[in-house]
Amino acid sequence: MDNIATARTYNQNHVPRRYTPGRRRVSIYVSWSYPAETGRNPAELDNRFSTMTEVRRVAWPDYEEPRWSDPGQFQQSIAGSLELFFWAWIPFQQLVEETTGHAVPVYQRIDQAGFRTPLDERVLADTDTVFVFSLDHVVTGQEATPEEIEAVRQFLTRDGTCLVLGPHHDVGASDDMVMRDVEYHHHRDALVPRQQRFGRYGRSLMAGLGVPVVNRYGLRPAVGEDNRIAPLSTTRDLDSRGWLDGVTNFNFHPHLPHYAVTTDDPNTVHVLARQPIDVSRPHPFTDSGNTEFNMFLWMPPSGDRAGDVLMADSTIFSTLFGADESLRNFWRNLASK
């Protein structure tokens, strides 16, 4: 990520991209309030991101180079952890730009300087595929407004558009402290507290658009003998668009959401990929007999909606958790189909 040929810029408005036939314009919308997330009290145990100091302690010695550990070069507070996300999205942005010829802007609902950017026509006008990374903690109160929902609805009336929804996990939703502890020991990530609920914005947007899906839990994927994430269980006969062409697996992350389908209509949502679960430690979801969770979903165009709606967790697009050729194939598919 140091081999960038041009200088980085900040604090300027996006320059609209011209439509180019056959070359998709991809945008990322992060629905958090950066100030609300970084301003959380580190003394509170639940519903916040880790500080960079906590990351360094748990991941030692991975972040002990001065570029990460020196307070004069990198923030050691919660802000430092959020900046790791931006670092880790760069390879995805670069691959998409190489594939499409268009740069990939990253918008934040409320950014570091307090500028508020709703998900409206200013974001969507020069976009063909928009990724909504709902990494907002529920306690920060981010919700899609009626105007935003209508803007996205209108966006999806355009032929060839695609909305990728990625609300993150919902750990510790139960009021039962014992159950929260069971969930914690299932995913085994010391950086995730007993309760960490994400995705209020994503859920409100899905509800407004009539997407019958909700993010639940934070489940640990199974791994194989090579310590790689277990291959996906795919439903290839439903994947008429080829979203999963050349794709056998995503990347490992210890707490991924189950995208629960809340309709009985089998034609509304296609579950294209499920992820086997690590069942070595109990979890209420596996206690109910489940061995896999819904990982990648597709709602084909229907009625007035000409665009596709996909569900895929935001961590799939982050190299904090690795990226192999299978994952890069998935990125290329979403950037080109």
Protein backbone atom coordinates (compact mmCIF):
# COMPACT_ATOMS: atom_id res chain seq x y z
CA MET A 1 0.00 0.00 0.00
CA ASP A 2 3.04 2.26 -0.03
CA ASN A 3 3.42 1.99 -3.81
CA ILE A 4 0.82 4.64 -4.57
CA ALA A 5 2.02 6.79 -7.46
CA THR A 6 0.17 9.98 -6.52
CA ALA A 7 -0.16 12.02 -3.34
CA ARG A 8 -3.17 11.49 -1.09
CA THR A 9 -5.79 14.19 -0.79
CA TYR A 10 -8.47 14.96 1.79
CA ASN A 11 -11.16 17.52 2.45
CA GLN A 12 -12.46 18.03 -1.06
CA ASN A 13 -15.63 17.15 -2.93
CA HIS A 14 -15.87 14.10 -5.18
CA VAL A 15 -15.43 14.72 -8.92
CA PRO A 16 -18.27 12.91 -10.75
CA ARG A 17 -17.31 10.04 -13.04
CA ARG A 18 -18.66 9.91 -16.56
CA TYR A 19 -20.72 6.92 -17.65
CA THR A 20 -18.62 4.49 -19.66
CA PRO A 21 -20.45 1.59 -21.36
CA GLY A 22 -19.27 -1.74 -19.95
CA ARG A 23 -17.27 -0.15 -17.12
CA ARG A 24 -19.04 0.01 -13.80
CA ARG A 25 -18.69 2.96 -11.45
CA VAL A 26 -18.36 1.57 -7.92
CA SER A 27 -18.76 3.53 -4.68
CA ILE A 28 -18.41 2.62 -1.00
CA TYR A 29 -20.70 4.16 1.60
CA VAL A 30 -19.70 3.67 5.25
CA SER A 31 -22.77 4.38 7.35
CA TRP A 32 -21.02 5.21 10.60
CA SER A 33 -20.58 8.54 12.30
CA TYR A 34 -16.80 8.69 12.65
CA PRO A 35 -17.00 11.16 15.58
CA ALA A 36 -19.63 9.05 17.38
CA GLU A 37 -17.54 5.89 17.03
CA THR A 38 -14.20 7.44 17.99
CA GLY A 39 -15.79 9.41 20.81
CA ARG A 40 -17.00 6.32 22.66
CA ASN A 41 -15.64 6.02 26.18
CA PRO A 42 -12.84 3.38 26.23
CA ALA A 43 -13.79 2.62 29.83
CA GLU A 44 -17.09 1.17 28.59
CA LEU A 45 -16.73 -2.50 27.79
CA ASP A 46 -19.49 -3.01 25.22
CA ASN A 47 -20.62 -1.60 21.87
CA ARG A 48 -17.45 0.15 20.78
CA PHE A 49 -14.47 -0.45 18.55
CA SER A 50 -11.14 -1.33 20.17
CA THR A 51 -8.49 1.31 20.67
CA MET A 52 -5.34 0.89 18.62
CA THR A 53 -3.48 0.18 21.86
CA GLU A 54 -5.85 -2.75 22.53
CA VAL A 55 -5.33 -4.01 18.98
CA ARG A 56 -1.56 -3.92 19.45
CA ARG A 57 -1.80 -5.77 22.77
CA VAL A 58 -4.00 -8.57 21.39
CA ALA A 59 -2.30 -8.86 17.97
CA TRP A 60 1.27 -8.42 19.27
CA PRO A 61 3.73 -8.17 17.57
CA ASP A 62 1.87 -7.51 14.28
CA TYR A 63 1.50 -3.76 14.83
CA GLU A 64 4.73 -2.95 16.66
CA GLU A 65 6.42 -1.21 13.74
CA PRO A 66 6.65 2.56 14.35
CA ARG A 67 4.20 3.24 11.51
CA TRP A 68 1.51 1.66 13.74
CA SER A 69 2.85 2.02 17.29
CA ASP A 70 4.38 5.51 17.26
CA PRO A 71 1.77 8.04 18.44
CA GLY A 72 3.49 10.59 16.24
CA GLN A 73 2.68 8.53 13.14
CA PHE A 74 -0.56 6.70 13.94
CA GLN A 75 -3.44 7.35 16.32
CA GLN A 76 -3.51 5.01 19.33
CA SER A 77 -7.14 5.67 20.25
CA ILE A 78 -10.32 4.20 18.74
CA ALA A 79 -9.62 6.42 15.74
CA GLY A 80 -6.54 4.33 14.97
CA SER A 81 -8.63 1.17 14.71
CA LEU A 82 -11.05 2.89 12.33
CA GLU A 83 -8.16 4.03 10.16
CA LEU A 84 -7.08 0.38 9.83
CA PHE A 85 -10.32 -0.20 7.93
CA PHE A 86 -9.40 2.47 5.39
CA TRP A 87 -5.93 0.96 4.95
CA ALA A 88 -7.41 -2.50 4.44
CA TRP A 89 -9.97 -1.41 1.82
CA ILE A 90 -7.28 0.01 -0.47
CA PRO A 91 -6.47 -3.31 -2.26
CA PHE A 92 -10.18 -3.78 -3.03
CA GLN A 93 -10.41 -0.23 -4.35
CA GLN A 94 -7.29 -0.74 -6.45
CA LEU A 95 -8.52 -4.00 -7.97
CA VAL A 96 -11.89 -2.45 -8.84
CA GLU A 97 -10.19 0.56 -10.44
CA GLU A 98 -7.95 -1.74 -12.48
CA THR A 99 -11.03 -3.70 -13.56
CA THR A 100 -13.31 -0.78 -14.40
CA GLY A 101 -11.02 2.15 -15.15
CA HIS A 102 -12.88 4.22 -12.54
CA ALA A 103 -11.62 5.29 -9.12
CA VAL A 104 -13.64 4.06 -6.11
CA PRO A 105 -14.70 6.85 -3.73
CA VAL A 106 -15.33 6.11 -0.05
CA TYR A 107 -18.08 8.16 1.57
CA GLN A 108 -18.79 8.37 5.29
CA ARG A 109 -22.17 9.26 6.71
CA ILE A 110 -20.38 11.66 9.07
CA ASP A 111 -16.63 11.97 8.49
CA GLN A 112 -13.65 12.96 10.63
CA ALA A 113 -14.32 16.67 10.12
CA GLY A 114 -18.03 16.39 10.89
CA PHE A 115 -19.24 16.69 7.29
CA ARG A 116 -22.51 14.79 6.90
CA THR A 117 -23.12 12.92 3.63
CA PRO A 118 -26.52 11.24 3.35
CA LEU A 119 -26.92 8.34 0.94
CA ASP A 120 -28.69 10.39 -1.71
CA GLU A 121 -28.43 11.37 -5.36
CA ARG A 122 -25.09 13.13 -4.76
CA VAL A 123 -23.59 9.72 -3.96
CA LEU A 124 -25.72 7.68 -6.35
CA ALA A 125 -25.82 9.84 -9.51
CA ASP A 126 -22.45 8.66 -10.86
CA THR A 127 -22.63 5.17 -9.33
CA ASP A 128 -23.62 1.83 -10.87
CA THR A 129 -22.71 -0.39 -7.87
CA VAL A 130 -22.86 0.96 -4.33
CA PHE A 131 -21.55 -0.93 -1.30
CA VAL A 132 -23.20 0.04 1.98
CA PHE A 133 -20.88 -1.02 4.80
CA SER A 134 -23.08 -0.84 7.89
CA LEU A 135 -20.29 -0.83 10.46
CA ASP A 136 -22.20 1.58 12.68
CA HIS A 137 -22.78 0.51 16.28
CA VAL A 138 -26.49 0.43 17.07
CA VAL A 139 -25.98 2.75 20.06
CA THR A 140 -24.83 5.61 17.78
CA GLY A 141 -28.34 5.88 16.33
CA GLN A 142 -27.64 5.90 12.58
CA GLU A 143 -30.83 5.34 10.58
CA ALA A 144 -31.74 5.77 6.93
CA THR A 145 -34.13 8.68 6.45
CA PRO A 146 -37.24 8.40 4.24
CA GLU A 147 -35.44 10.62 1.71
CA GLU A 148 -32.43 8.27 1.60
CA ILE A 149 -34.63 5.20 1.23
CA GLU A 150 -36.46 6.84 -1.66
CA ALA A 151 -33.16 7.88 -3.28
CA VAL A 152 -31.91 4.29 -3.16
CA ARG A 153 -35.26 3.03 -4.42
CA GLN A 154 -35.00 5.38 -7.40
CA PHE A 155 -31.38 4.33 -7.95
CA LEU A 156 -32.52 0.71 -8.24
CA THR A 157 -35.02 1.59 -10.98
CA ARG A 158 -32.05 2.20 -13.31
CA ASP A 159 -31.09 -0.78 -15.45
CA GLY A 160 -27.79 -2.37 -14.48
CA THR A 161 -27.56 -0.95 -10.95
CA CYS A 162 -26.51 -3.00 -7.94
CA LEU A 163 -26.83 -2.41 -4.20
CA VAL A 164 -24.51 -4.46 -1.96
CA LEU A 165 -25.62 -4.42 1.68
CA GLY A 166 -23.09 -5.38 4.35
CA PRO A 167 -24.37 -4.96 7.91
CA HIS A 168 -21.79 -6.46 10.27
CA HIS A 169 -22.36 -8.86 13.16
CA ASP A 170 -24.86 -8.61 16.03
CA VAL A 171 -23.08 -10.14 19.01
CA GLY A 172 -24.72 -10.38 22.42
CA ALA A 173 -28.26 -9.33 21.50
CA SER A 174 -29.64 -11.43 24.35
CA ASP A 175 -30.22 -9.88 27.78
CA ASP A 176 -28.94 -13.13 29.29
CA MET A 177 -25.36 -12.53 30.46
CA VAL A 178 -24.59 -16.25 30.41
CA MET A 179 -25.68 -16.44 26.77
CA ARG A 180 -23.49 -13.46 25.91
CA ASP A 181 -20.54 -15.25 27.46
CA VAL A 182 -21.30 -18.37 25.42
CA GLU A 183 -21.26 -16.28 22.22
CA TYR A 184 -17.96 -14.66 23.25
CA HIS A 185 -16.23 -17.97 23.82
CA HIS A 186 -17.61 -19.27 20.52
CA HIS A 187 -15.98 -16.57 18.37
CA ARG A 188 -12.88 -16.34 20.61
CA ASP A 189 -11.84 -12.82 19.59
CA ALA A 190 -10.55 -10.89 22.60
CA LEU A 191 -11.16 -7.60 20.78
CA VAL A 192 -14.92 -8.16 20.54
CA PRO A 193 -16.82 -7.51 23.78
CA ARG A 194 -19.70 -9.55 25.18
CA GLN A 195 -22.08 -7.22 23.38
CA GLN A 196 -21.25 -5.56 20.06
CA ARG A 197 -24.29 -4.79 17.98
CA PHE A 198 -23.79 -3.38 14.50
CA GLY A 199 -25.96 -2.38 11.58
CA ARG A 200 -28.78 -0.10 12.67
CA TYR A 201 -28.41 1.91 9.46
CA GLY A 202 -28.30 -1.19 7.28
CA ARG A 203 -31.34 -2.68 8.98
CA SER A 204 -33.35 0.52 8.57
CA LEU A 205 -32.41 0.72 4.89
CA MET A 206 -33.36 -2.94 4.34
CA ALA A 207 -36.67 -2.42 6.12
CA GLY A 208 -37.44 0.66 4.04
CA LEU A 209 -36.64 -1.13 0.78
CA GLY A 210 -38.54 -4.27 1.73
CA VAL A 211 -35.46 -6.49 1.89
CA PRO A 212 -36.56 -9.46 4.06
CA VAL A 213 -33.17 -10.11 5.66
CA VAL A 214 -31.68 -9.31 9.07
CA ASN A 215 -28.12 -9.69 10.38
CA ARG A 216 -27.80 -11.96 13.41
CA TYR A 217 -25.03 -13.27 15.65
CA GLY A 218 -21.28 -13.33 15.12
CA LEU A 219 -20.35 -16.86 14.06
CA ARG A 220 -16.88 -18.35 13.77
CA PRO A 221 -16.29 -20.09 10.41
CA ALA A 222 -14.88 -23.58 10.27
CA VAL A 223 -11.33 -24.00 8.98
CA GLY A 224 -9.61 -26.89 7.23
CA GLU A 225 -6.42 -28.76 8.03
CA ASP A 226 -4.41 -26.02 6.31
CA ASN A 227 -5.93 -23.47 8.74
CA ARG A 228 -7.73 -21.80 5.83
CA ILE A 229 -11.41 -20.95 6.00
CA ALA A 230 -13.59 -23.88 4.96
CA PRO A 231 -14.99 -23.72 1.41
CA LEU A 232 -18.42 -22.23 0.87
CA SER A 233 -21.47 -24.38 0.35
CA THR A 234 -22.86 -22.88 -2.86
CA THR A 235 -26.12 -23.12 -4.77
CA ARG A 236 -24.74 -22.78 -8.29
CA ASP A 237 -28.03 -23.51 -10.06
CA LEU A 238 -29.49 -20.30 -8.59
CA ASP A 239 -26.46 -18.19 -9.56
CA SER A 240 -27.56 -17.36 -13.10
CA ARG A 241 -25.52 -14.14 -13.10
CA GLY A 242 -22.27 -15.88 -12.18
CA TRP A 243 -21.56 -13.87 -9.05
CA LEU A 244 -19.56 -16.82 -7.72
CA ASP A 245 -17.70 -17.77 -10.89
CA GLY A 246 -14.21 -18.88 -9.85
CA VAL A 247 -15.08 -18.46 -6.17
CA THR A 248 -14.66 -21.27 -3.63
CA ASN A 249 -14.15 -19.31 -0.42
CA PHE A 250 -14.06 -15.84 1.12
CA ASN A 251 -11.61 -14.75 3.84
CA PHE A 252 -11.52 -15.85 7.47
CA HIS A 253 -13.04 -13.58 10.10
CA PRO A 254 -13.85 -14.93 13.58
CA HIS A 255 -17.33 -13.41 13.90
CA LEU A 256 -19.45 -13.18 10.78
CA PRO A 257 -23.18 -12.39 10.63
CA HIS A 258 -25.84 -14.89 9.66
CA TYR A 259 -28.10 -13.16 7.12
CA ALA A 260 -31.42 -14.59 8.20
CA VAL A 261 -34.17 -14.56 5.57
CA THR A 262 -37.47 -13.45 7.08
CA THR A 263 -39.83 -14.43 4.25
CA ASP A 264 -41.20 -17.82 3.28
CA ASP A 265 -41.25 -16.91 -0.42
CA PRO A 266 -38.34 -18.87 -1.98
CA ASN A 267 -38.28 -16.63 -5.07
CA THR A 268 -37.62 -13.35 -3.24
CA VAL A 269 -34.11 -14.03 -1.89
CA HIS A 270 -31.63 -16.58 -3.25
CA VAL A 271 -29.11 -17.85 -0.69
CA LEU A 272 -26.14 -18.46 -3.01
CA ALA A 273 -23.49 -19.31 -0.40
CA ARG A 274 -23.46 -20.67 3.13
CA GLN A 275 -20.44 -20.89 5.40
CA PRO A 276 -19.71 -23.96 7.56
CA ILE A 277 -19.49 -23.08 11.26
CA ASP A 278 -16.78 -23.99 13.75
CA VAL A 279 -18.80 -26.21 16.09
CA SER A 280 -15.98 -26.93 18.53
CA ARG A 281 -17.56 -24.50 20.99
CA PRO A 282 -21.29 -24.03 21.61
CA HIS A 283 -23.47 -21.24 20.29
CA PRO A 284 -27.27 -20.83 20.41
CA PHE A 285 -27.40 -21.00 16.60
CA THR A 286 -25.59 -24.33 16.43
CA ASP A 287 -27.44 -25.59 19.49
CA SER A 288 -30.56 -25.30 17.32
CA GLY A 289 -29.04 -27.75 14.83
CA ASN A 290 -27.45 -25.34 12.37
CA THR A 291 -24.05 -26.22 10.90
CA GLU A 292 -23.85 -23.41 8.31
CA PHE A 293 -24.90 -19.76 8.15
CA ASN A 294 -26.08 -17.62 5.23
CA MET A 295 -23.08 -15.78 3.82
CA PHE A 296 -24.00 -14.39 0.37
CA LEU A 297 -27.53 -13.60 -0.81
CA TRP A 298 -29.04 -12.22 -4.01
CA MET A 299 -32.35 -10.53 -4.75
CA PRO A 300 -32.73 -10.48 -8.55
CA PRO A 301 -34.61 -7.60 -10.22
CA SER A 302 -38.32 -7.71 -9.53
CA GLY A 303 -41.24 -5.44 -10.35
CA ASP A 304 -40.14 -1.80 -10.54
CA ARG A 305 -36.70 -2.70 -9.21
CA ALA A 306 -34.40 -3.11 -12.21
CA GLY A 307 -31.25 -3.39 -10.11
CA ASP A 308 -29.78 -6.27 -8.14
CA VAL A 309 -29.58 -6.37 -4.34
CA LEU A 310 -26.79 -8.42 -2.77
CA MET A 311 -25.94 -9.21 0.84
CA ALA A 312 -22.26 -9.72 1.75
CA ASP A 313 -20.45 -8.81 4.96
CA SER A 314 -18.13 -5.80 4.75
CA THR A 315 -15.16 -7.83 6.05
CA ILE A 316 -15.13 -9.75 2.75
CA PHE A 317 -13.72 -6.60 1.15
CA SER A 318 -11.07 -5.96 3.79
CA THR A 319 -7.54 -7.34 3.59
CA LEU A 320 -7.24 -7.14 7.37
CA PHE A 321 -8.48 -10.72 7.13
CA GLY A 322 -6.53 -11.89 4.09
CA ALA A 323 -7.27 -12.10 0.37
CA ASP A 324 -6.53 -14.98 -2.00
CA GLU A 325 -7.33 -15.52 -5.67
CA SER A 326 -10.79 -16.88 -4.90
CA LEU A 327 -11.69 -13.70 -3.03
CA ARG A 328 -10.19 -11.49 -5.73
CA ASN A 329 -12.31 -13.34 -8.29
CA PHE A 330 -15.37 -12.44 -6.22
CA TRP A 331 -14.30 -8.79 -6.18
CA ARG A 332 -13.85 -8.83 -9.97
CA ASN A 333 -17.26 -10.42 -10.47
CA LEU A 334 -19.01 -7.72 -8.45
CA ALA A 335 -17.08 -5.01 -10.30
CA SER A 336 -17.86 -6.30 -13.76
CA LYS A 337 -21.27 -8.02 -13.83
